[in-house]
Amino acid sequence: MQPIQPTEAVNQIIAHYKPYAIGAVILAVIWLFILAKIKKEARIRKYQRQENERAEARQRNREQREKQQNRIHKQNN
């Protein structure tokens, strides 16, 4: 019986584990897409929340200016 050549042993190992490696790469790529989508959605929600907070602040400022204008108007009368 001849001893197995090192290159043949490596080729056999690669041939045996190749489907697992391909599957692992495919799963990794899928996970990267999923994580990128989650991150994108989180960023969109963050910007929407910030925009809502700015809109509420503008509304409060507008209401405060109106109240102040009303007070000034009442004082002048």
Foldseek 3Di string as FASTA:
>chain_A
DDDDDPVNVVVVVCVVCVVVVVVVVVVVVVVVVVVVVVVVVVVVVVVVVVVVVVVVVVVVVVVVVVVVVVVVVVVVD
